[in-house]
Amino acid sequence: MGTSRRKLKNFPEDVRHEIGYALYLAQCGESYRSAKHMPGYNAVEILVDYDGDAFRGVYTTKFQNCVYVLHCFQKKSKKGIATPKPDLDLIRTRMKEAEEHYKASKKI
């Protein structure tokens, strides 16, 4: 959804591979070791620490036979492990867009 793919392509290669593998596992109905449920969002956050930086990929499997990547970002916040509010707002917006996309695809 949105710029997720473009942002993921700009991550370091090792990070891209790790997030890509986690998404593959999600498609197979499995969970990646560093994936954690995001309460209240019906989404899963993939956590990747690389070379002192924190990278995140967020996806949902809320819709039957679909994995929607909602957001990919490098976490800049130094205030603990919490996901920054602007990123949470974007995830919520993209979840609504994913739901609209899914409903529209079922009408075809």
Protein backbone atom coordinates (compact mmCIF):
# COMPACT_ATOMS: atom_id res chain seq x y z
CA MET A 1 0.00 0.00 0.00
CA GLY A 2 1.16 3.53 -0.67
CA THR A 3 4.93 3.96 -0.70
CA SER A 4 5.70 0.74 1.20
CA ARG A 5 7.34 -1.03 -1.73
CA ARG A 6 9.49 1.95 -2.69
CA LYS A 7 10.64 2.46 0.90
CA LEU A 8 11.45 -1.24 1.29
CA LYS A 9 13.59 -1.10 -1.88
CA ASN A 10 15.67 1.65 -0.26
CA PHE A 11 16.50 -0.45 2.82
CA PRO A 12 19.86 -2.25 3.05
CA GLU A 13 19.88 -5.56 1.18
CA ASP A 14 19.99 -7.71 4.33
CA VAL A 15 16.98 -5.87 5.75
CA ARG A 16 15.04 -6.27 2.49
CA HIS A 17 15.73 -10.01 2.50
CA GLU A 18 14.67 -10.40 6.12
CA ILE A 19 11.42 -8.48 5.67
CA GLY A 20 10.79 -10.29 2.38
CA TYR A 21 11.22 -13.66 4.06
CA ALA A 22 8.87 -12.62 6.87
CA LEU A 23 6.25 -11.65 4.27
CA TYR A 24 6.73 -14.97 2.50
CA LEU A 25 6.10 -16.80 5.78
CA ALA A 26 2.97 -14.70 6.32
CA GLN A 27 1.71 -15.80 2.91
CA CYS A 28 2.29 -19.41 3.99
CA GLY A 29 0.32 -18.83 7.20
CA GLU A 30 3.38 -18.79 9.45
CA SER A 31 5.00 -16.11 11.60
CA TYR A 32 8.54 -14.81 11.47
CA ARG A 33 10.59 -14.90 14.69
CA SER A 34 10.74 -11.11 15.06
CA ALA A 35 7.14 -10.44 14.01
CA LYS A 36 4.82 -9.13 16.70
CA HIS A 37 1.11 -8.43 16.73
CA MET A 38 0.13 -4.75 16.95
CA PRO A 39 -2.80 -4.60 19.39
CA GLY A 40 -5.68 -2.50 18.11
CA TYR A 41 -4.47 -2.50 14.48
CA ASN A 42 -5.10 -6.07 13.27
CA ALA A 43 -1.57 -5.86 11.89
CA VAL A 44 1.83 -7.43 12.44
CA GLU A 45 5.09 -5.52 12.78
CA ILE A 46 8.34 -7.09 11.55
CA LEU A 47 11.26 -5.86 13.64
CA VAL A 48 14.72 -5.78 12.05
CA ASP A 49 17.77 -4.32 13.76
CA TYR A 50 20.64 -3.75 11.37
CA ASP A 51 23.97 -2.04 11.94
CA GLY A 52 22.61 -0.01 14.87
CA ASP A 53 19.44 1.05 13.03
CA ALA A 54 15.88 -0.17 13.50
CA PHE A 55 13.78 -1.04 10.45
CA ARG A 56 10.12 -1.99 10.45
CA GLY A 57 7.67 -3.56 8.05
CA VAL A 58 3.97 -3.70 8.90
CA TYR A 59 1.46 -5.99 7.21
CA THR A 60 -1.99 -7.44 7.70
CA THR A 61 -3.48 -10.83 6.93
CA LYS A 62 -6.94 -9.66 7.94
CA PHE A 63 -8.33 -10.40 4.49
CA GLN A 64 -8.78 -13.94 3.17
CA ASN A 65 -5.90 -15.13 0.96
CA CYS A 66 -4.20 -11.69 1.01
CA VAL A 67 -1.21 -10.08 2.67
CA TYR A 68 -1.22 -6.31 2.49
CA VAL A 69 2.02 -4.48 3.31
CA LEU A 70 0.82 -1.35 5.07
CA HIS A 71 4.05 0.48 5.85
CA CYS A 72 7.84 0.15 5.81
CA PHE A 73 10.01 2.60 7.70
CA GLN A 74 13.24 3.17 9.53
CA LYS A 75 12.50 3.90 13.16
CA LYS A 76 14.20 7.13 14.17
CA SER A 77 12.70 7.57 17.63
CA LYS A 78 15.06 7.21 20.54
CA LYS A 79 12.18 7.21 23.03
CA GLY A 80 11.94 3.50 23.74
CA ILE A 81 10.51 0.79 21.56
CA ALA A 82 7.14 2.36 20.82
CA THR A 83 6.19 2.97 17.18
CA PRO A 84 5.96 6.75 16.57
CA LYS A 85 2.44 8.21 16.34
CA PRO A 86 2.78 9.48 12.72
CA ASP A 87 3.66 5.95 11.63
CA LEU A 88 0.71 4.52 13.59
CA ASP A 89 -1.62 7.05 11.95
CA LEU A 90 -0.33 6.07 8.50
CA ILE A 91 -0.80 2.37 9.30
CA ARG A 92 -4.40 3.02 10.34
CA THR A 93 -5.07 4.99 7.12
CA ARG A 94 -3.52 2.31 4.94
CA MET A 95 -5.52 -0.40 6.69
CA LYS A 96 -8.69 1.43 5.61
CA GLU A 97 -7.32 1.69 2.06
CA ALA A 98 -6.49 -2.03 2.07
CA GLU A 99 -10.03 -2.83 3.16
CA GLU A 100 -11.45 -0.70 0.35
CA HIS A 101 -9.10 -2.35 -2.16
CA TYR A 102 -10.04 -5.82 -0.95
CA LYS A 103 -13.78 -5.11 -1.16
CA ALA A 104 -13.40 -3.63 -4.65
CA SER A 105 -11.40 -6.66 -5.83
CA LYS A 106 -14.16 -9.01 -4.64
CA LYS A 107 -16.76 -7.19 -6.77
CA ILE A 108 -14.90 -7.98 -9.99
